[in-house]
Amino acid sequence: IGPLLAARMRKDSERAMKPDLTLPRL
């Protein structure tokens, strides 16, 4: 069931982007 739930939630996800490299330290 877990993968099916994730697949439904992934439909509204953002497109790929360059990560903000300051976030880990923040």
PDB file of all heavy atoms in Angstrom:
ATOM      1  N   ILE A   1       0.815  -1.218   0.000  1.00  0.00           N
ATOM      2  CA  ILE A   1       0.000   0.000   0.000  1.00  0.00           C
ATOM      3  C   ILE A   1       0.849   1.269   0.000  1.00  0.00           C
ATOM      4  O   ILE A   1       0.489   2.265  -0.641  1.00  0.00           O
ATOM      5  CB  ILE A   1      -0.943   0.019   1.222  1.00  0.00           C
ATOM      6  CG1 ILE A   1      -1.784  -1.251   1.262  1.00  0.00           C
ATOM      7  CG2 ILE A   1      -1.837   1.251   1.193  1.00  0.00           C
ATOM      8  CD1 ILE A   1      -2.656  -1.448   0.033  1.00  0.00           C
ATOM      9  N   GLY A   2       1.986   1.266   0.720  1.00  0.00           N
ATOM     10  CA  GLY A   2       2.821   2.459   0.824  1.00  0.00           C
ATOM     11  C   GLY A   2       3.189   3.080  -0.515  1.00  0.00           C
ATOM     12  O   GLY A   2       3.017   4.291  -0.715  1.00  0.00           O
ATOM     13  N   PRO A   3       3.692   2.295  -1.478  1.00  0.00           N
ATOM     14  CA  PRO A   3       4.056   2.868  -2.784  1.00  0.00           C
ATOM     15  C   PRO A   3       2.860   3.470  -3.523  1.00  0.00           C
ATOM     16  O   PRO A   3       3.002   4.453  -4.251  1.00  0.00           O
ATOM     17  CB  PRO A   3       4.635   1.674  -3.542  1.00  0.00           C
ATOM     18  CG  PRO A   3       5.108   0.737  -2.473  1.00  0.00           C
ATOM     19  CD  PRO A   3       4.129   0.889  -1.366  1.00  0.00           C
ATOM     20  N   LEU A   4       1.665   2.882  -3.358  1.00  0.00           N
ATOM     21  CA  LEU A   4       0.472   3.409  -4.015  1.00  0.00           C
ATOM     22  C   LEU A   4       0.098   4.772  -3.443  1.00  0.00           C
ATOM     23  O   LEU A   4      -0.269   5.696  -4.185  1.00  0.00           O
ATOM     24  CB  LEU A   4      -0.695   2.431  -3.853  1.00  0.00           C
ATOM     25  CG  LEU A   4      -0.490   1.033  -4.454  1.00  0.00           C
ATOM     26  CD1 LEU A   4      -1.713   0.157  -4.198  1.00  0.00           C
ATOM     27  CD2 LEU A   4      -0.219   1.131  -5.957  1.00  0.00           C
ATOM     28  N   LEU A   5       0.188   4.911  -2.109  1.00  0.00           N
ATOM     29  CA  LEU A   5      -0.086   6.202  -1.487  1.00  0.00           C
ATOM     30  C   LEU A   5       0.902   7.255  -1.969  1.00  0.00           C
ATOM     31  O   LEU A   5       0.515   8.382  -2.296  1.00  0.00           O
ATOM     32  CB  LEU A   5      -0.001   6.069   0.045  1.00  0.00           C
ATOM     33  CG  LEU A   5      -1.084   5.259   0.744  1.00  0.00           C
ATOM     34  CD1 LEU A   5      -0.784   5.182   2.240  1.00  0.00           C
ATOM     35  CD2 LEU A   5      -2.450   5.885   0.513  1.00  0.00           C
ATOM     36  N   ALA A   6       2.181   6.885  -2.018  1.00  0.00           N
ATOM     37  CA  ALA A   6       3.201   7.831  -2.458  1.00  0.00           C
ATOM     38  C   ALA A   6       2.985   8.242  -3.911  1.00  0.00           C
ATOM     39  O   ALA A   6       3.172   9.405  -4.278  1.00  0.00           O
ATOM     40  CB  ALA A   6       4.589   7.229  -2.276  1.00  0.00           C
ATOM     41  N   ALA A   7       2.577   7.288  -4.747  1.00  0.00           N
ATOM     42  CA  ALA A   7       2.360   7.595  -6.162  1.00  0.00           C
ATOM     43  C   ALA A   7       1.239   8.617  -6.341  1.00  0.00           C
ATOM     44  O   ALA A   7       1.326   9.512  -7.198  1.00  0.00           O
ATOM     45  CB  ALA A   7       2.027   6.318  -6.931  1.00  0.00           C
ATOM     46  N   ARG A   8       0.203   8.518  -5.526  1.00  0.00           N
ATOM     47  CA  ARG A   8      -0.902   9.475  -5.616  1.00  0.00           C
ATOM     48  C   ARG A   8      -0.458  10.857  -5.136  1.00  0.00           C
ATOM     49  O   ARG A   8      -0.846  11.879  -5.708  1.00  0.00           O
ATOM     50  CB  ARG A   8      -2.092   9.001  -4.794  1.00  0.00           C
ATOM     51  CG  ARG A   8      -2.768   7.758  -5.346  1.00  0.00           C
ATOM     52  CD  ARG A   8      -3.970   7.385  -4.510  1.00  0.00           C
ATOM     53  NE  ARG A   8      -4.990   8.416  -4.562  1.00  0.00           N
ATOM     54  CZ  ARG A   8      -5.941   8.502  -5.480  1.00  0.00           C
ATOM     55  NH1 ARG A   8      -5.992   7.612  -6.458  1.00  0.00           N
ATOM     56  NH2 ARG A   8      -6.845   9.456  -5.441  1.00  0.00           N
ATOM     57  N   MET A   9       0.366  10.901  -4.105  1.00  0.00           N
ATOM     58  CA  MET A   9       0.807  12.184  -3.563  1.00  0.00           C
ATOM     59  C   MET A   9       1.846  12.846  -4.463  1.00  0.00           C
ATOM     60  O   MET A   9       1.980  14.065  -4.466  1.00  0.00           O
ATOM     61  CB  MET A   9       1.380  11.984  -2.157  1.00  0.00           C
ATOM     62  CG  MET A   9       0.317  11.606  -1.130  1.00  0.00           C
ATOM     63  SD  MET A   9       0.959  11.462   0.549  1.00  0.00           S
ATOM     64  CE  MET A   9       1.873   9.931   0.460  1.00  0.00           C
ATOM     65  N   ARG A  10       2.575  12.050  -5.228  1.00  0.00           N
ATOM     66  CA  ARG A  10       3.643  12.585  -6.063  1.00  0.00           C
ATOM     67  C   ARG A  10       3.113  13.346  -7.273  1.00  0.00           C
ATOM     68  O   ARG A  10       3.840  14.116  -7.894  1.00  0.00           O
ATOM     69  CB  ARG A  10       4.551  11.450  -6.527  1.00  0.00           C
ATOM     70  CG  ARG A  10       6.005  11.801  -6.417  1.00  0.00           C
ATOM     71  CD  ARG A  10       6.970  10.705  -6.718  1.00  0.00           C
ATOM     72  NE  ARG A  10       6.497   9.559  -7.407  1.00  0.00           N
ATOM     73  CZ  ARG A  10       6.600   8.313  -6.944  1.00  0.00           C
ATOM     74  NH1 ARG A  10       7.124   8.100  -5.752  1.00  0.00           N
ATOM     75  NH2 ARG A  10       6.178   7.287  -7.640  1.00  0.00           N
ATOM     76  N   LYS A  11       1.836  13.186  -7.606  1.00  0.00           N
ATOM     77  CA  LYS A  11       1.276  13.836  -8.785  1.00  0.00           C
ATOM     78  C   LYS A  11       1.329  15.351  -8.684  1.00  0.00           C
ATOM     79  O   LYS A  11       1.446  16.050  -9.678  1.00  0.00           O
ATOM     80  CB  LYS A  11      -0.174  13.367  -8.990  1.00  0.00           C
ATOM     81  CG  LYS A  11      -0.296  11.910  -9.400  1.00  0.00           C
ATOM     82  CD  LYS A  11      -1.747  11.516  -9.588  1.00  0.00           C
ATOM     83  CE  LYS A  11      -1.866  10.040  -9.990  1.00  0.00           C
ATOM     84  NZ  LYS A  11      -3.277   9.633 -10.153  1.00  0.00           N
ATOM     85  N   ASP A  12       1.202  15.860  -7.450  1.00  0.00           N
ATOM     86  CA  ASP A  12       1.179  17.307  -7.257  1.00  0.00           C
ATOM     87  C   ASP A  12       2.542  17.861  -6.844  1.00  0.00           C
ATOM     88  O   ASP A  12       2.635  18.984  -6.362  1.00  0.00           O
ATOM     89  CB  ASP A  12       0.140  17.669  -6.185  1.00  0.00           C
ATOM     90  CG  ASP A  12      -1.257  17.223  -6.584  1.00  0.00           C
ATOM     91  OD1 ASP A  12      -1.565  17.273  -7.792  1.00  0.00           O
ATOM     92  OD2 ASP A  12      -2.026  16.816  -5.693  1.00  0.00           O
ATOM     93  N   SER A  13       3.587  17.076  -7.010  1.00  0.00           N
ATOM     94  CA  SER A  13       4.908  17.498  -6.540  1.00  0.00           C
ATOM     95  C   SER A  13       5.534  18.501  -7.493  1.00  0.00           C
ATOM     96  O   SER A  13       5.180  18.576  -8.679  1.00  0.00           O
ATOM     97  CB  SER A  13       5.828  16.283  -6.398  1.00  0.00           C
ATOM     98  OG  SER A  13       5.312  15.390  -5.442  1.00  0.00           O
ATOM     99  N   GLU A  14       6.490  19.255  -6.962  1.00  0.00           N
ATOM    100  CA  GLU A  14       7.179  20.256  -7.762  1.00  0.00           C
ATOM    101  C   GLU A  14       8.116  19.584  -8.773  1.00  0.00           C
ATOM    102  O   GLU A  14       8.541  18.457  -8.605  1.00  0.00           O
ATOM    103  CB  GLU A  14       8.009  21.174  -6.852  1.00  0.00           C
ATOM    104  CG  GLU A  14       7.202  21.999  -5.874  1.00  0.00           C
ATOM    105  CD  GLU A  14       8.091  22.922  -5.056  1.00  0.00           C
ATOM    106  OE1 GLU A  14       9.191  23.257  -5.530  1.00  0.00           O
ATOM    107  OE2 GLU A  14       7.684  23.302  -3.957  1.00  0.00           O
ATOM    108  N   ARG A  15       8.405  20.340  -9.836  1.00  0.00           N
ATOM    109  CA  ARG A  15       9.382  19.844 -10.806  1.00  0.00           C
ATOM    110  C   ARG A  15      10.777  19.891 -10.192  1.00  0.00           C
ATOM    111  O   ARG A  15      11.026  20.589  -9.205  1.00  0.00           O
ATOM    112  CB  ARG A  15       9.340  20.700 -12.067  1.00  0.00           C
ATOM    113  CG  ARG A  15       9.675  22.163 -11.839  1.00  0.00           C
ATOM    114  CD  ARG A  15       9.571  22.965 -13.137  1.00  0.00           C
ATOM    115  NE  ARG A  15       9.826  24.367 -12.925  1.00  0.00           N
ATOM    116  CZ  ARG A  15      11.023  24.921 -12.827  1.00  0.00           C
ATOM    117  NH1 ARG A  15      12.113  24.147 -12.930  1.00  0.00           N
ATOM    118  NH2 ARG A  15      11.178  26.210 -12.628  1.00  0.00           N
ATOM    119  N   ALA A  16      11.695  19.141 -10.792  1.00  0.00           N
ATOM    120  CA  ALA A  16      13.063  19.091 -10.275  1.00  0.00           C
ATOM    121  C   ALA A  16      13.704  20.477 -10.320  1.00  0.00           C
ATOM    122  O   ALA A  16      13.437  21.276 -11.220  1.00  0.00           O
ATOM    123  CB  ALA A  16      13.891  18.103 -11.096  1.00  0.00           C
ATOM    124  N   MET A  17      14.524  20.754  -9.344  1.00  0.00           N
ATOM    125  CA  MET A  17      15.165  22.052  -9.276  1.00  0.00           C
ATOM    126  C   MET A  17      16.529  21.920  -8.611  1.00  0.00           C
ATOM    127  O   MET A  17      16.838  20.892  -7.985  1.00  0.00           O
ATOM    128  CB  MET A  17      14.300  23.049  -8.499  1.00  0.00           C
ATOM    129  CG  MET A  17      14.011  22.628  -7.055  1.00  0.00           C
ATOM    130  SD  MET A  17      12.883  23.758  -6.215  1.00  0.00           S
ATOM    131  CE  MET A  17      13.882  25.242  -6.148  1.00  0.00           C
ATOM    132  N   LYS A  18      17.326  22.949  -8.729  1.00  0.00           N
ATOM    133  CA  LYS A  18      18.635  22.968  -8.088  1.00  0.00           C
ATOM    134  C   LYS A  18      18.449  23.205  -6.596  1.00  0.00           C
ATOM    135  O   LYS A  18      17.802  24.167  -6.188  1.00  0.00           O
ATOM    136  CB  LYS A  18      19.495  24.071  -8.694  1.00  0.00           C
ATOM    137  CG  LYS A  18      20.923  24.079  -8.175  1.00  0.00           C
ATOM    138  CD  LYS A  18      21.740  25.159  -8.863  1.00  0.00           C
ATOM    139  CE  LYS A  18      23.178  25.166  -8.341  1.00  0.00           C
ATOM    140  NZ  LYS A  18      23.997  26.208  -9.006  1.00  0.00           N
ATOM    141  N   PRO A  19      18.998  22.330  -5.756  1.00  0.00           N
ATOM    142  CA  PRO A  19      18.764  22.461  -4.308  1.00  0.00           C
ATOM    143  C   PRO A  19      19.465  23.672  -3.717  1.00  0.00           C
ATOM    144  O   PRO A  19      20.486  24.146  -4.239  1.00  0.00           O
ATOM    145  CB  PRO A  19      19.343  21.161  -3.746  1.00  0.00           C
ATOM    146  CG  PRO A  19      20.373  20.741  -4.733  1.00  0.00           C
ATOM    147  CD  PRO A  19      19.836  21.164  -6.080  1.00  0.00           C
ATOM    148  N   ASP A  20      18.898  24.156  -2.621  1.00  0.00           N
ATOM    149  CA  ASP A  20      19.506  25.249  -1.867  1.00  0.00           C
ATOM    150  C   ASP A  20      20.558  24.643  -0.937  1.00  0.00           C
ATOM    151  O   ASP A  20      20.229  24.002   0.065  1.00  0.00           O
ATOM    152  CB  ASP A  20      18.424  25.978  -1.064  1.00  0.00           C
ATOM    153  CG  ASP A  20      18.970  27.190  -0.317  1.00  0.00           C
ATOM    154  OD1 ASP A  20      20.208  27.354  -0.270  1.00  0.00           O
ATOM    155  OD2 ASP A  20      18.162  27.951   0.235  1.00  0.00           O
ATOM    156  N   LEU A  21      21.824  24.839  -1.253  1.00  0.00           N
ATOM    157  CA  LEU A  21      22.913  24.199  -0.513  1.00  0.00           C
ATOM    158  C   LEU A  21      23.136  24.796   0.865  1.00  0.00           C
ATOM    159  O   LEU A  21      23.932  24.263   1.651  1.00  0.00           O
ATOM    160  CB  LEU A  21      24.210  24.275  -1.328  1.00  0.00           C
ATOM    161  CG  LEU A  21      24.159  23.602  -2.711  1.00  0.00           C
ATOM    162  CD1 LEU A  21      25.507  23.733  -3.397  1.00  0.00           C
ATOM    163  CD2 LEU A  21      23.748  22.146  -2.589  1.00  0.00           C
ATOM    164  N   THR A  22      22.444  25.888   1.182  1.00  0.00           N
ATOM    165  CA  THR A  22      22.580  26.475   2.523  1.00  0.00           C
ATOM    166  C   THR A  22      21.656  25.801   3.530  1.00  0.00           C
ATOM    167  O   THR A  22      21.810  26.007   4.737  1.00  0.00           O
ATOM    168  CB  THR A  22      22.260  27.981   2.495  1.00  0.00           C
ATOM    169  OG1 THR A  22      20.880  28.177   2.147  1.00  0.00           O
ATOM    170  CG2 THR A  22      23.139  28.703   1.490  1.00  0.00           C
ATOM    171  N   LEU A  23      20.693  25.012   3.055  1.00  0.00           N
ATOM    172  CA  LEU A  23      19.699  24.430   3.961  1.00  0.00           C
ATOM    173  C   LEU A  23      20.284  23.479   5.002  1.00  0.00           C
ATOM    174  O   LEU A  23      19.858  23.506   6.162  1.00  0.00           O
ATOM    175  CB  LEU A  23      18.614  23.720   3.146  1.00  0.00           C
ATOM    176  CG  LEU A  23      17.613  24.630   2.429  1.00  0.00           C
ATOM    177  CD1 LEU A  23      16.610  23.807   1.638  1.00  0.00           C
ATOM    178  CD2 LEU A  23      16.882  25.522   3.430  1.00  0.00           C
ATOM    179  N   PRO A  24      21.233  22.575   4.658  1.00  0.00           N
ATOM    180  CA  PRO A  24      21.764  21.688   5.702  1.00  0.00           C
ATOM    181  C   PRO A  24      22.313  22.442   6.908  1.00  0.00           C
ATOM    182  O   PRO A  24      21.975  22.117   8.059  1.00  0.00           O
ATOM    183  CB  PRO A  24      22.876  20.919   4.966  1.00  0.00           C
ATOM    184  CG  PRO A  24      22.443  20.913   3.534  1.00  0.00           C
ATOM    185  CD  PRO A  24      21.783  22.243   3.325  1.00  0.00           C
ATOM    186  N   ARG A  25      23.155  23.441   6.669  1.00  0.00           N
ATOM    187  CA  ARG A  25      23.709  24.216   7.785  1.00  0.00           C
ATOM    188  C   ARG A  25      22.616  24.961   8.538  1.00  0.00           C
ATOM    189  O   ARG A  25      22.658  25.071   9.769  1.00  0.00           O
ATOM    190  CB  ARG A  25      24.756  25.196   7.269  1.00  0.00           C
ATOM    191  CG  ARG A  25      26.053  24.565   6.826  1.00  0.00           C
ATOM    192  CD  ARG A  25      27.145  25.611   6.694  1.00  0.00           C
ATOM    193  NE  ARG A  25      26.777  26.618   5.711  1.00  0.00           N
ATOM    194  CZ  ARG A  25      27.182  26.607   4.456  1.00  0.00           C
ATOM    195  NH1 ARG A  25      27.977  25.642   4.027  1.00  0.00           N
ATOM    196  NH2 ARG A  25      26.807  27.547   3.604  1.00  0.00           N
ATOM    197  N   LEU A  26      21.621  25.458   7.797  1.00  0.00           N
ATOM    198  CA  LEU A  26      20.539  26.217   8.416  1.00  0.00           C
ATOM    199  C   LEU A  26      19.712  25.329   9.344  1.00  0.00           C
ATOM    200  O   LEU A  26      19.378  25.720  10.473  1.00  0.00           O
ATOM    201  CB  LEU A  26      19.646  26.819   7.327  1.00  0.00           C
ATOM    202  CG  LEU A  26      18.670  27.910   7.756  1.00  0.00           C
ATOM    203  CD1 LEU A  26      19.421  29.101   8.316  1.00  0.00           C
ATOM    204  CD2 LEU A  26      17.797  28.321   6.581  1.00  0.00           C
TER     205      LEU A  26
END
